[in-house]
PDB file of N, CA and C in Angstrom:
ATOM      1  N   MET A   1      81.266 123.377 100.718  1.00  0.00           N
ATOM      2  CA  MET A   1      80.592 124.259 100.107  1.00  0.00           C
ATOM      3  C   MET A   1      79.920 124.991 101.045  1.00  0.00           C
ATOM      4  N   LEU A   2      79.812 126.420 101.057  1.00  0.00           N
ATOM      5  CA  LEU A   2      78.998 126.935 102.012  1.00  0.00           C
ATOM      6  C   LEU A   2      77.679 127.240 101.727  1.00  0.00           C
ATOM      7  N   THR A   3      76.808 127.325 102.464  1.00  0.00           N
ATOM      8  CA  THR A   3      75.524 127.633 102.488  1.00  0.00           C
ATOM      9  C   THR A   3      75.243 129.250 102.540  1.00  0.00           C
ATOM     10  N   ARG A   4      74.430 129.739 102.097  1.00  0.00           N
ATOM     11  CA  ARG A   4      74.326 131.337 102.518  1.00  0.00           C
ATOM     12  C   ARG A   4      74.106 131.498 103.981  1.00  0.00           C
ATOM     13  N   LYS A   5      73.403 130.683 104.798  1.00  0.00           N
ATOM     14  CA  LYS A   5      73.372 130.719 106.034  1.00  0.00           C
ATOM     15  C   LYS A   5      74.737 130.543 106.902  1.00  0.00           C
ATOM     16  N   SER A   6      75.501 129.728 106.558  1.00  0.00           N
ATOM     17  CA  SER A   6      76.914 129.694 107.096  1.00  0.00           C
ATOM     18  C   SER A   6      77.562 130.598 106.658  1.00  0.00           C
ATOM     19  N   ASP A   7      77.659 131.155 105.438  1.00  0.00           N
ATOM     20  CA  ASP A   7      78.428 132.352 104.911  1.00  0.00           C
ATOM     21  C   ASP A   7      78.226 133.586 105.452  1.00  0.00           C
ATOM     22  N   LEU A   8      77.020 133.776 105.814  1.00  0.00           N
ATOM     23  CA  LEU A   8      76.494 135.038 106.721  1.00  0.00           C
ATOM     24  C   LEU A   8      77.063 134.876 108.199  1.00  0.00           C
ATOM     25  N   LEU A   9      77.004 133.572 108.819  1.00  0.00           N
ATOM     26  CA  LEU A   9      77.333 133.723 110.215  1.00  0.00           C
ATOM     27  C   LEU A   9      78.823 133.707 110.038  1.00  0.00           C
ATOM     28  N   SER A  10      79.433 133.077 109.393  1.00  0.00           N
ATOM     29  CA  SER A  10      81.048 133.230 109.367  1.00  0.00           C
ATOM     30  C   SER A  10      81.481 134.454 109.255  1.00  0.00           C
ATOM     31  N   SER A  11      81.047 135.066 108.299  1.00  0.00           N
ATOM     32  CA  SER A  11      81.232 136.798 107.997  1.00  0.00           C
ATOM     33  C   SER A  11      81.057 137.408 109.401  1.00  0.00           C
ATOM     34  N   PHE A  12      80.121 137.163 109.927  1.00  0.00           N
ATOM     35  CA  PHE A  12      79.676 137.739 111.367  1.00  0.00           C
ATOM     36  C   PHE A  12      80.974 137.439 112.380  1.00  0.00           C
ATOM     37  N   LEU A  13      81.080 136.344 112.325  1.00  0.00           N
ATOM     38  CA  LEU A  13      82.145 135.716 113.536  1.00  0.00           C
ATOM     39  C   LEU A  13      83.373 136.552 113.021  1.00  0.00           C
ATOM     40  N   LYS A  14      83.869 136.711 111.929  1.00  0.00           N
ATOM     41  CA  LYS A  14      85.262 137.318 111.614  1.00  0.00           C
ATOM     42  C   LYS A  14      85.393 138.670 112.653  1.00  0.00           C
ATOM     43  N   GLY A  15      84.241 139.430 112.868  1.00  0.00           N
ATOM     44  CA  GLY A  15      84.252 140.618 113.444  1.00  0.00           C
ATOM     45  C   GLY A  15      83.980 140.308 114.961  1.00  0.00           C
ATOM     46  N   PHE A  16      83.185 139.509 115.197  1.00  0.00           N
ATOM     47  CA  PHE A  16      82.710 139.033 116.543  1.00  0.00           C
ATOM     48  C   PHE A  16      83.311 137.816 117.258  1.00  0.00           C
ATOM     49  N   LYS A  17      84.604 138.228 117.553  1.00  0.00           N
ATOM     50  CA  LYS A  17      85.535 137.068 118.021  1.00  0.00           C
ATOM     51  C   LYS A  17      85.587 136.842 119.663  1.00  0.00           C
ATOM     52  N   GLY A  18      85.613 135.700 120.129  1.00  0.00           N
ATOM     53  CA  GLY A  18      85.843 135.423 121.453  1.00  0.00           C
ATOM     54  C   GLY A  18      84.604 135.590 122.331  1.00  0.00           C
ATOM     55  N   ARG A  19      83.402 135.479 121.905  1.00  0.00           N
ATOM     56  CA  ARG A  19      82.264 135.568 122.836  1.00  0.00           C
ATOM     57  C   ARG A  19      81.548 134.405 122.745  1.00  0.00           C
ATOM     58  N   ASN A  20      80.793 134.139 123.724  1.00  0.00           N
ATOM     59  CA  ASN A  20      80.009 132.820 123.954  1.00  0.00           C
ATOM     60  C   ASN A  20      78.695 132.749 122.921  1.00  0.00           C
ATOM     61  N   ASP A  21      78.142 131.578 122.935  1.00  0.00           N
ATOM     62  CA  ASP A  21      77.290 131.391 121.927  1.00  0.00           C
ATOM     63  C   ASP A  21      75.869 132.325 122.048  1.00  0.00           C
ATOM     64  N   SER A  22      75.785 132.573 123.311  1.00  0.00           N
ATOM     65  CA  SER A  22      74.425 133.366 123.429  1.00  0.00           C
ATOM     66  C   SER A  22      74.647 134.655 122.905  1.00  0.00           C
ATOM     67  N   ASP A  23      75.805 135.107 123.232  1.00  0.00           N
ATOM     68  CA  ASP A  23      76.183 136.410 122.667  1.00  0.00           C
ATOM     69  C   ASP A  23      76.084 136.536 121.104  1.00  0.00           C
ATOM     70  N   VAL A  24      76.751 135.515 120.569  1.00  0.00           N
ATOM     71  CA  VAL A  24      76.787 135.385 119.119  1.00  0.00           C
ATOM     72  C   VAL A  24      75.286 135.444 118.457  1.00  0.00           C
ATOM     73  N   ILE A  25      74.459 134.565 119.087  1.00  0.00           N
ATOM     74  CA  ILE A  25      72.992 134.494 118.630  1.00  0.00           C
ATOM     75  C   ILE A  25      72.319 136.027 118.836  1.00  0.00           C
ATOM     76  N   ASN A  26      72.598 136.616 119.845  1.00  0.00           N
ATOM     77  CA  ASN A  26      71.946 137.870 120.187  1.00  0.00           C
ATOM     78  C   ASN A  26      72.289 138.793 119.312  1.00  0.00           C
ATOM     79  N   ALA A  27      73.653 138.943 119.190  1.00  0.00           N
ATOM     80  CA  ALA A  27      74.286 139.988 118.355  1.00  0.00           C
ATOM     81  C   ALA A  27      74.049 139.844 116.735  1.00  0.00           C
ATOM     82  N   PHE A  28      73.839 138.546 116.348  1.00  0.00           N
ATOM     83  CA  PHE A  28      73.685 138.095 114.729  1.00  0.00           C
ATOM     84  C   PHE A  28      72.160 138.504 114.633  1.00  0.00           C
ATOM     85  N   PHE A  29      71.148 138.296 115.603  1.00  0.00           N
ATOM     86  CA  PHE A  29      69.837 138.729 115.311  1.00  0.00           C
ATOM     87  C   PHE A  29      69.754 140.324 115.287  1.00  0.00           C
ATOM     88  N   ILE A  30      70.486 140.806 116.098  1.00  0.00           N
ATOM     89  CA  ILE A  30      70.335 142.400 115.922  1.00  0.00           C
ATOM     90  C   ILE A  30      71.012 143.031 114.657  1.00  0.00           C
ATOM     91  N   THR A  31      72.090 142.000 114.025  1.00  0.00           N
ATOM     92  CA  THR A  31      72.819 142.525 112.897  1.00  0.00           C
ATOM     93  C   THR A  31      71.768 142.543 111.722  1.00  0.00           C
ATOM     94  N   THR A  32      71.088 141.316 111.671  1.00  0.00           N
ATOM     95  CA  THR A  32      70.080 140.948 110.580  1.00  0.00           C
ATOM     96  C   THR A  32      68.980 141.957 110.667  1.00  0.00           C
ATOM     97  N   ARG A  33      68.652 142.713 111.871  1.00  0.00           N
ATOM     98  CA  ARG A  33      67.605 143.598 111.829  1.00  0.00           C
ATOM     99  C   ARG A  33      68.238 145.079 111.423  1.00  0.00           C
ATOM    100  N   LYS A  34      69.601 145.364 111.850  1.00  0.00           N
ATOM    101  CA  LYS A  34      70.197 146.526 111.660  1.00  0.00           C
ATOM    102  C   LYS A  34      70.467 146.684 110.099  1.00  0.00           C
ATOM    103  N   LEU A  35      70.702 145.538 109.203  1.00  0.00           N
ATOM    104  CA  LEU A  35      71.250 145.447 107.774  1.00  0.00           C
ATOM    105  C   LEU A  35      69.772 145.303 107.081  1.00  0.00           C
ATOM    106  N   GLY A  36      68.712 144.978 107.706  1.00  0.00           N
ATOM    107  CA  GLY A  36      67.414 144.937 107.077  1.00  0.00           C
ATOM    108  C   GLY A  36      67.426 143.533 106.121  1.00  0.00           C
ATOM    109  N   VAL A  37      68.102 142.568 106.817  1.00  0.00           N
ATOM    110  CA  VAL A  37      68.311 141.343 105.927  1.00  0.00           C
ATOM    111  C   VAL A  37      67.113 140.256 106.600  1.00  0.00           C
ATOM    112  N   ARG A  38      66.485 139.818 105.896  1.00  0.00           N
ATOM    113  CA  ARG A  38      65.620 138.819 106.423  1.00  0.00           C
ATOM    114  C   ARG A  38      66.158 137.594 107.255  1.00  0.00           C
ATOM    115  N   PRO A  39      65.856 137.550 108.538  1.00  0.00           N
ATOM    116  CA  PRO A  39      66.836 136.335 109.156  1.00  0.00           C
ATOM    117  C   PRO A  39      66.595 135.074 108.529  1.00  0.00           C
ATOM    118  N   PRO A  40      67.959 134.542 108.342  1.00  0.00           N
ATOM    119  CA  PRO A  40      68.032 133.188 107.461  1.00  0.00           C
ATOM    120  C   PRO A  40      67.652 132.067 108.665  1.00  0.00           C
ATOM    121  N   PHE A  41      67.816 132.300 109.813  1.00  0.00           N
ATOM    122  CA  PHE A  41      67.791 131.410 110.893  1.00  0.00           C
ATOM    123  C   PHE A  41      66.186 131.631 111.623  1.00  0.00           C
ATOM    124  N   ARG A  42      65.791 130.738 112.338  1.00  0.00           N
ATOM    125  CA  ARG A  42      64.551 131.025 113.298  1.00  0.00           C
ATOM    126  C   ARG A  42      64.985 131.407 114.541  1.00  0.00           C
ATOM    127  N   PHE A  43      64.675 132.678 115.039  1.00  0.00           N
ATOM    128  CA  PHE A  43      64.637 133.147 116.456  1.00  0.00           C
ATOM    129  C   PHE A  43      63.446 132.683 117.308  1.00  0.00           C
ATOM    130  N   GLU A  44      63.655 132.664 118.475  1.00  0.00           N
ATOM    131  CA  GLU A  44      62.705 132.466 119.668  1.00  0.00           C
ATOM    132  C   GLU A  44      63.096 133.512 120.773  1.00  0.00           C
ATOM    133  N   SER A  45      62.167 133.939 121.389  1.00  0.00           N
ATOM    134  CA  SER A  45      62.077 135.015 122.498  1.00  0.00           C
ATOM    135  C   SER A  45      62.698 134.095 123.529  1.00  0.00           C
ATOM    136  N   ARG A  46      63.714 134.716 124.313  1.00  0.00           N
ATOM    137  CA  ARG A  46      64.192 134.099 125.612  1.00  0.00           C
ATOM    138  C   ARG A  46      63.823 135.145 126.755  1.00  0.00           C
ATOM    139  N   GLY A  47      63.083 136.030 126.672  1.00  0.00           N
ATOM    140  CA  GLY A  47      62.794 136.927 127.660  1.00  0.00           C
ATOM    141  C   GLY A  47      64.051 137.849 127.950  1.00  0.00           C
ATOM    142  N   CYS A  48      64.323 138.250 129.021  1.00  0.00           N
ATOM    143  CA  CYS A  48      65.627 139.235 129.403  1.00  0.00           C
ATOM    144  C   CYS A  48      66.613 138.450 128.832  1.00  0.00           C
ATOM    145  N   LEU A  49      66.800 137.318 128.439  1.00  0.00           N
ATOM    146  CA  LEU A  49      67.982 136.627 128.077  1.00  0.00           C
ATOM    147  C   LEU A  49      68.233 137.007 126.530  1.00  0.00           C
ATOM    148  N   GLY A  50      67.210 137.525 125.854  1.00  0.00           N
ATOM    149  CA  GLY A  50      67.654 137.899 124.519  1.00  0.00           C
ATOM    150  C   GLY A  50      66.813 136.967 123.640  1.00  0.00           C
ATOM    151  N   VAL A  51      67.513 136.283 122.516  1.00  0.00           N
ATOM    152  CA  VAL A  51      66.844 135.436 121.831  1.00  0.00           C
ATOM    153  C   VAL A  51      67.591 134.173 121.473  1.00  0.00           C
ATOM    154  N   GLU A  52      66.827 133.153 121.072  1.00  0.00           N
ATOM    155  CA  GLU A  52      67.726 131.792 120.770  1.00  0.00           C
ATOM    156  C   GLU A  52      67.280 131.390 119.415  1.00  0.00           C
ATOM    157  N   SER A  53      68.624 130.504 118.775  1.00  0.00           N
ATOM    158  CA  SER A  53      68.119 130.039 117.511  1.00  0.00           C
ATOM    159  C   SER A  53      69.043 128.543 117.571  1.00  0.00           C
ATOM    160  N   LYS A  54      68.179 127.566 117.683  1.00  0.00           N
ATOM    161  CA  LYS A  54      68.915 126.352 117.857  1.00  0.00           C
ATOM    162  C   LYS A  54      69.648 125.991 116.422  1.00  0.00           C
ATOM    163  N   GLU A  55      69.467 126.644 115.239  1.00  0.00           N
ATOM    164  CA  GLU A  55      70.092 126.202 114.069  1.00  0.00           C
ATOM    165  C   GLU A  55      71.492 126.776 114.383  1.00  0.00           C
ATOM    166  N   ILE A  56      71.564 128.107 114.764  1.00  0.00           N
ATOM    167  CA  ILE A  56      72.918 128.759 114.913  1.00  0.00           C
ATOM    168  C   ILE A  56      73.648 128.012 115.883  1.00  0.00           C
ATOM    169  N   ARG A  57      72.982 127.836 117.315  1.00  0.00           N
ATOM    170  CA  ARG A  57      73.650 126.939 118.176  1.00  0.00           C
ATOM    171  C   ARG A  57      74.593 125.663 117.686  1.00  0.00           C
ATOM    172  N   ARG A  58      73.428 124.900 116.778  1.00  0.00           N
ATOM    173  CA  ARG A  58      74.077 123.629 116.286  1.00  0.00           C
ATOM    174  C   ARG A  58      75.221 123.944 115.231  1.00  0.00           C
ATOM    175  N   LEU A  59      75.295 125.125 114.450  1.00  0.00           N
ATOM    176  CA  LEU A  59      76.442 125.433 113.654  1.00  0.00           C
ATOM    177  C   LEU A  59      77.461 125.772 114.454  1.00  0.00           C
ATOM    178  N   LEU A  60      77.446 126.602 115.460  1.00  0.00           N
ATOM    179  CA  LEU A  60      78.380 126.976 116.451  1.00  0.00           C
ATOM    180  C   LEU A  60      79.115 125.795 116.995  1.00  0.00           C
ATOM    181  N   ASN A  61      78.397 124.768 117.359  1.00  0.00           N
ATOM    182  CA  ASN A  61      78.873 123.436 118.019  1.00  0.00           C
ATOM    183  C   ASN A  61      79.394 122.379 117.162  1.00  0.00           C
ATOM    184  N   PHE A  62      78.689 122.203 116.046  1.00  0.00           N
ATOM    185  CA  PHE A  62      78.982 120.999 115.294  1.00  0.00           C
ATOM    186  C   PHE A  62      79.561 121.170 113.991  1.00  0.00           C
ATOM    187  N   SER A  63      80.056 122.562 113.729  1.00  0.00           N
ATOM    188  CA  SER A  63      80.566 122.709 112.326  1.00  0.00           C
ATOM    189  C   SER A  63      81.872 123.644 112.537  1.00  0.00           C
ATOM    190  N   ASP A  64      82.557 123.765 111.346  1.00  0.00           N
ATOM    191  CA  ASP A  64      83.685 124.635 111.242  1.00  0.00           C
ATOM    192  C   ASP A  64      83.441 126.182 111.104  1.00  0.00           C
ATOM    193  N   VAL A  65      82.050 126.669 111.193  1.00  0.00           N
ATOM    194  CA  VAL A  65      81.896 127.979 110.764  1.00  0.00           C
ATOM    195  C   VAL A  65      82.590 128.813 111.284  1.00  0.00           C
ATOM    196  N   ARG A  66      83.111 128.785 112.688  1.00  0.00           N
ATOM    197  CA  ARG A  66      84.005 129.792 113.180  1.00  0.00           C
ATOM    198  C   ARG A  66      85.647 129.980 112.292  1.00  0.00           C
ATOM    199  N   LYS A  67      85.829 128.697 111.511  1.00  0.00           N
ATOM    200  CA  LYS A  67      87.015 128.802 110.806  1.00  0.00           C
ATOM    201  C   LYS A  67      86.931 129.154 109.258  1.00  0.00           C
ATOM    202  N   ILE A  68      85.711 129.357 108.821  1.00  0.00           N
ATOM    203  CA  ILE A  68      85.558 129.700 107.445  1.00  0.00           C
ATOM    204  C   ILE A  68      85.615 131.193 107.355  1.00  0.00           C
ATOM    205  N   ASN A  69      86.088 131.684 106.284  1.00  0.00           N
ATOM    206  CA  ASN A  69      85.978 133.095 106.011  1.00  0.00           C
ATOM    207  C   ASN A  69      84.753 133.513 105.136  1.00  0.00           C
ATOM    208  N   GLY A  70      83.950 134.098 105.520  1.00  0.00           N
ATOM    209  CA  GLY A  70      82.581 134.506 104.890  1.00  0.00           C
ATOM    210  C   GLY A  70      82.997 135.604 104.079  1.00  0.00           C
ATOM    211  N   ASN A  71      82.060 135.970 103.192  1.00  0.00           N
ATOM    212  CA  ASN A  71      82.055 136.926 102.077  1.00  0.00           C
ATOM    213  C   ASN A  71      81.089 138.059 102.310  1.00  0.00           C
ATOM    214  N   TYR A  72      80.648 138.261 103.384  1.00  0.00           N
ATOM    215  CA  TYR A  72      79.575 139.504 103.453  1.00  0.00           C
ATOM    216  C   TYR A  72      80.357 140.479 104.541  1.00  0.00           C
ATOM    217  N   LYS A  73      81.018 141.432 103.905  1.00  0.00           N
ATOM    218  CA  LYS A  73      81.759 142.426 104.515  1.00  0.00           C
ATOM    219  C   LYS A  73      80.980 143.176 105.723  1.00  0.00           C
ATOM    220  N   GLU A  74      79.821 143.503 105.396  1.00  0.00           N
ATOM    221  CA  GLU A  74      78.770 144.329 106.236  1.00  0.00           C
ATOM    222  C   GLU A  74      78.606 143.494 107.486  1.00  0.00           C
ATOM    223  N   PHE A  75      78.454 142.218 107.399  1.00  0.00           N
ATOM    224  CA  PHE A  75      78.076 141.380 108.766  1.00  0.00           C
ATOM    225  C   PHE A  75      79.375 141.268 109.403  1.00  0.00           C
ATOM    226  N   SER A  76      80.533 141.439 109.016  1.00  0.00           N
ATOM    227  CA  SER A  76      81.880 141.250 109.863  1.00  0.00           C
ATOM    228  C   SER A  76      82.030 142.736 110.325  1.00  0.00           C
ATOM    229  N   LEU A  77      81.682 143.774 109.532  1.00  0.00           N
ATOM    230  CA  LEU A  77      81.964 145.164 110.185  1.00  0.00           C
ATOM    231  C   LEU A  77      80.823 145.181 111.565  1.00  0.00           C
ATOM    232  N   ALA A  78      79.784 144.705 111.175  1.00  0.00           N
ATOM    233  CA  ALA A  78      78.662 144.813 112.319  1.00  0.00           C
ATOM    234  C   ALA A  78      79.024 144.029 113.542  1.00  0.00           C
ATOM    235  N   GLY A  79      79.735 142.893 113.237  1.00  0.00           N
ATOM    236  CA  GLY A  79      80.213 141.996 114.300  1.00  0.00           C
ATOM    237  C   GLY A  79      81.323 142.549 115.046  1.00  0.00           C
ATOM    238  N   ARG A  80      81.945 143.440 114.586  1.00  0.00           N
ATOM    239  CA  ARG A  80      83.176 144.320 115.147  1.00  0.00           C
ATOM    240  C   ARG A  80      82.668 145.357 116.070  1.00  0.00           C
ATOM    241  N   VAL A  81      81.581 145.931 115.566  1.00  0.00           N
ATOM    242  CA  VAL A  81      80.785 146.974 116.341  1.00  0.00           C
ATOM    243  C   VAL A  81      80.092 146.371 117.609  1.00  0.00           C
ATOM    244  N   LEU A  82      79.491 145.509 117.252  1.00  0.00           N
ATOM    245  CA  LEU A  82      78.662 144.771 118.278  1.00  0.00           C
ATOM    246  C   LEU A  82      79.296 144.080 119.394  1.00  0.00           C
ATOM    247  N   SER A  83      80.686 143.707 119.013  1.00  0.00           N
ATOM    248  CA  SER A  83      81.530 143.091 120.091  1.00  0.00           C
ATOM    249  C   SER A  83      82.187 143.804 121.225  1.00  0.00           C
ATOM    250  N   LYS A  84      81.835 145.285 120.951  1.00  0.00           N
ATOM    251  CA  LYS A  84      82.102 146.272 122.116  1.00  0.00           C
ATOM    252  C   LYS A  84      80.961 146.336 123.035  1.00  0.00           C
ATOM    253  N   ILE A  85      79.815 145.708 122.879  1.00  0.00           N
ATOM    254  CA  ILE A  85      78.561 145.934 123.587  1.00  0.00           C
ATOM    255  C   ILE A  85      78.581 144.591 124.719  1.00  0.00           C
ATOM    256  N   SER A  86      78.275 144.881 125.894  1.00  0.00           N
ATOM    257  CA  SER A  86      78.307 143.826 127.009  1.00  0.00           C
ATOM    258  C   SER A  86      77.359 142.806 126.734  1.00  0.00           C
ATOM    259  N   SER A  87      77.184 141.505 127.368  1.00  0.00           N
ATOM    260  CA  SER A  87      76.533 140.607 127.025  1.00  0.00           C
ATOM    261  C   SER A  87      74.897 141.007 127.674  1.00  0.00           C
ATOM    262  N   ASP A  88      74.805 141.390 128.678  1.00  0.00           N
ATOM    263  CA  ASP A  88      73.613 141.898 129.100  1.00  0.00           C
ATOM    264  C   ASP A  88      72.881 142.677 128.088  1.00  0.00           C
ATOM    265  N   GLU A  89      73.610 143.873 127.820  1.00  0.00           N
ATOM    266  CA  GLU A  89      73.032 144.703 126.794  1.00  0.00           C
ATOM    267  C   GLU A  89      72.711 144.246 125.339  1.00  0.00           C
ATOM    268  N   LEU A  90      73.186 143.251 125.011  1.00  0.00           N
ATOM    269  CA  LEU A  90      73.264 142.550 123.914  1.00  0.00           C
ATOM    270  C   LEU A  90      71.884 141.869 123.923  1.00  0.00           C
ATOM    271  N   ALA A  91      71.537 141.220 125.026  1.00  0.00           N
ATOM    272  CA  ALA A  91      70.466 140.266 125.476  1.00  0.00           C
ATOM    273  C   ALA A  91      69.219 141.476 125.396  1.00  0.00           C
ATOM    274  N   TRP A  92      69.398 142.477 126.112  1.00  0.00           N
ATOM    275  CA  TRP A  92      68.279 143.279 126.123  1.00  0.00           C
ATOM    276  C   TRP A  92      67.870 144.024 124.837  1.00  0.00           C
ATOM    277  N   ALA A  93      69.014 144.254 124.071  1.00  0.00           N
ATOM    278  CA  ALA A  93      68.575 145.066 122.745  1.00  0.00           C
ATOM    279  C   ALA A  93      67.901 143.806 121.634  1.00  0.00           C
ATOM    280  N   ALA A  94      68.458 142.887 121.635  1.00  0.00           N
ATOM    281  CA  ALA A  94      67.800 141.556 120.834  1.00  0.00           C
ATOM    282  C   ALA A  94      66.187 141.347 121.403  1.00  0.00           C
ATOM    283  N   GLN A  95      66.052 141.355 122.762  1.00  0.00           N
ATOM    284  CA  GLN A  95      64.822 141.251 123.269  1.00  0.00           C
ATOM    285  C   GLN A  95      63.689 142.304 122.932  1.00  0.00           C
ATOM    286  N   PHE A  96      64.477 143.550 122.819  1.00  0.00           N
ATOM    287  CA  PHE A  96      63.618 144.631 122.699  1.00  0.00           C
ATOM    288  C   PHE A  96      63.250 144.673 121.361  1.00  0.00           C
ATOM    289  N   LEU A  97      64.027 144.255 120.317  1.00  0.00           N
ATOM    290  CA  LEU A  97      63.660 144.113 118.954  1.00  0.00           C
ATOM    291  C   LEU A  97      62.668 142.820 118.579  1.00  0.00           C
ATOM    292  N   MET A  98      62.844 141.847 119.539  1.00  0.00           N
ATOM    293  CA  MET A  98      62.074 140.942 119.309  1.00  0.00           C
ATOM    294  C   MET A  98      60.600 141.077 119.791  1.00  0.00           C
ATOM    295  N   ASP A  99      60.383 141.490 120.805  1.00  0.00           N
ATOM    296  CA  ASP A  99      59.164 141.517 121.628  1.00  0.00           C
ATOM    297  C   ASP A  99      58.871 143.000 122.108  1.00  0.00           C
ATOM    298  N   GLY A 100      59.566 143.899 121.931  1.00  0.00           N
ATOM    299  CA  GLY A 100      59.517 145.296 122.465  1.00  0.00           C
ATOM    300  C   GLY A 100      59.970 145.188 123.920  1.00  0.00           C
ATOM    301  N   LYS A 101      59.698 146.038 124.834  1.00  0.00           N
ATOM    302  CA  LYS A 101      60.035 145.858 126.154  1.00  0.00           C
ATOM    303  C   LYS A 101      59.151 144.943 127.120  1.00  0.00           C
ATOM    304  N   THR A 102      58.362 144.298 126.618  1.00  0.00           N
ATOM    305  CA  THR A 102      57.363 143.356 127.389  1.00  0.00           C
ATOM    306  C   THR A 102      58.123 142.583 128.654  1.00  0.00           C
ATOM    307  N   HIS A 103      59.202 142.037 128.467  1.00  0.00           N
ATOM    308  CA  HIS A 103      59.974 141.091 129.264  1.00  0.00           C
ATOM    309  C   HIS A 103      61.134 141.980 129.969  1.00  0.00           C
ATOM    310  N   LEU A 104      61.163 143.130 129.769  1.00  0.00           N
ATOM    311  CA  LEU A 104      62.616 143.870 130.400  1.00  0.00           C
ATOM    312  C   LEU A 104      61.890 144.976 131.489  1.00  0.00           C
ATOM    313  N   TYR A 105      63.007 144.858 132.533  1.00  0.00           N
ATOM    314  CA  TYR A 105      62.828 146.206 133.511  1.00  0.00           C
ATOM    315  C   TYR A 105      62.853 147.297 132.788  1.00  0.00           C
ATOM    316  N   SER A 106      62.410 148.477 133.445  1.00  0.00           N
ATOM    317  CA  SER A 106      62.397 149.794 132.653  1.00  0.00           C
ATOM    318  C   SER A 106      63.947 150.343 132.526  1.00  0.00           C
ATOM    319  N   PHE A 107      64.996 149.946 133.152  1.00  0.00           N
ATOM    320  CA  PHE A 107      66.059 150.332 132.994  1.00  0.00           C
ATOM    321  C   PHE A 107      66.807 149.517 131.810  1.00  0.00           C
ATOM    322  N   GLU A 108      66.253 148.339 131.738  1.00  0.00           N
ATOM    323  CA  GLU A 108      66.933 147.596 130.562  1.00  0.00           C
ATOM    324  C   GLU A 108      66.205 147.871 129.409  1.00  0.00           C
ATOM    325  N   ALA A 109      64.842 148.226 129.405  1.00  0.00           N
ATOM    326  CA  ALA A 109      64.231 148.648 128.056  1.00  0.00           C
ATOM    327  C   ALA A 109      64.914 149.977 127.537  1.00  0.00           C
ATOM    328  N   LYS A 110      65.186 150.795 128.728  1.00  0.00           N
ATOM    329  CA  LYS A 110      65.780 152.130 128.404  1.00  0.00           C
ATOM    330  C   LYS A 110      67.166 152.017 127.536  1.00  0.00           C
ATOM    331  N   LYS A 111      68.041 151.294 128.429  1.00  0.00           N
ATOM    332  CA  LYS A 111      69.276 150.916 127.624  1.00  0.00           C
ATOM    333  C   LYS A 111      69.029 150.270 126.337  1.00  0.00           C
ATOM    334  N   ALA A 112      68.386 149.294 126.158  1.00  0.00           N
ATOM    335  CA  ALA A 112      67.914 148.486 124.754  1.00  0.00           C
ATOM    336  C   ALA A 112      67.663 149.508 123.789  1.00  0.00           C
ATOM    337  N   ALA A 113      66.815 150.500 124.206  1.00  0.00           N
ATOM    338  CA  ALA A 113      66.340 151.599 123.118  1.00  0.00           C
ATOM    339  C   ALA A 113      67.405 152.583 122.718  1.00  0.00           C
ATOM    340  N   GLU A 114      68.354 152.769 123.686  1.00  0.00           N
ATOM    341  CA  GLU A 114      69.391 153.572 123.341  1.00  0.00           C
ATOM    342  C   GLU A 114      70.285 152.885 122.437  1.00  0.00           C
ATOM    343  N   ILE A 115      70.629 151.685 122.636  1.00  0.00           N
ATOM    344  CA  ILE A 115      71.484 150.719 121.639  1.00  0.00           C
ATOM    345  C   ILE A 115      70.885 150.808 120.290  1.00  0.00           C
ATOM    346  N   GLN A 116      69.560 150.608 120.219  1.00  0.00           N
ATOM    347  CA  GLN A 116      68.673 150.344 118.962  1.00  0.00           C
ATOM    348  C   GLN A 116      68.981 151.708 118.279  1.00  0.00           C
ATOM    349  N   LYS A 117      68.838 153.036 119.019  1.00  0.00           N
ATOM    350  CA  LYS A 117      69.085 154.206 118.285  1.00  0.00           C
ATOM    351  C   LYS A 117      70.523 154.491 117.657  1.00  0.00           C
ATOM    352  N   SER A 118      71.528 154.044 118.532  1.00  0.00           N
ATOM    353  CA  SER A 118      72.751 154.322 118.353  1.00  0.00           C
ATOM    354  C   SER A 118      73.187 153.581 117.132  1.00  0.00           C
ATOM    355  N   LEU A 119      72.696 152.324 117.124  1.00  0.00           N
ATOM    356  CA  LEU A 119      73.180 151.482 116.061  1.00  0.00           C
ATOM    357  C   LEU A 119      72.094 151.609 114.652  1.00  0.00           C
ATOM    358  N   LYS A 120      71.094 152.402 114.814  1.00  0.00           N
ATOM    359  CA  LYS A 120      70.108 152.832 113.886  1.00  0.00           C
ATOM    360  C   LYS A 120      69.516 151.625 113.286  1.00  0.00           C
ATOM    361  N   VAL A 121      68.963 150.764 114.457  1.00  0.00           N
ATOM    362  CA  VAL A 121      68.281 149.628 114.080  1.00  0.00           C
ATOM    363  C   VAL A 121      66.718 149.896 114.174  1.00  0.00           C
ATOM    364  N   THR A 122      66.239 149.346 113.129  1.00  0.00           N
ATOM    365  CA  THR A 122      64.542 149.600 113.260  1.00  0.00           C
ATOM    366  C   THR A 122      63.950 148.171 113.417  1.00  0.00           C
TER     367      THR A 122
END
């Protein structure tokens, strides 16, 4: 039986394949903000490394969430779009959305703002 949390994450992972756990967490955080969904997981700032979620990391490491087909098409599409963005840029964009540019160098903040605008994330 899927919970809403694992369903959202598995839907996202259908489009966001082959990336490390930190990229998944940063990109999933960006997706929740882009889609205006109240994040179902707790996220913490990691400075220029983006954000962290112990719950997501636990699901990724100790469940079959990567093998489940989720039902949220918009999360899968967002995953596909974000899979084209580099790890550093995902981290900067997630951090920018979490705390503003407080932990970023000026060029990182500028790139994060560009990503935010291109994805129409508020």
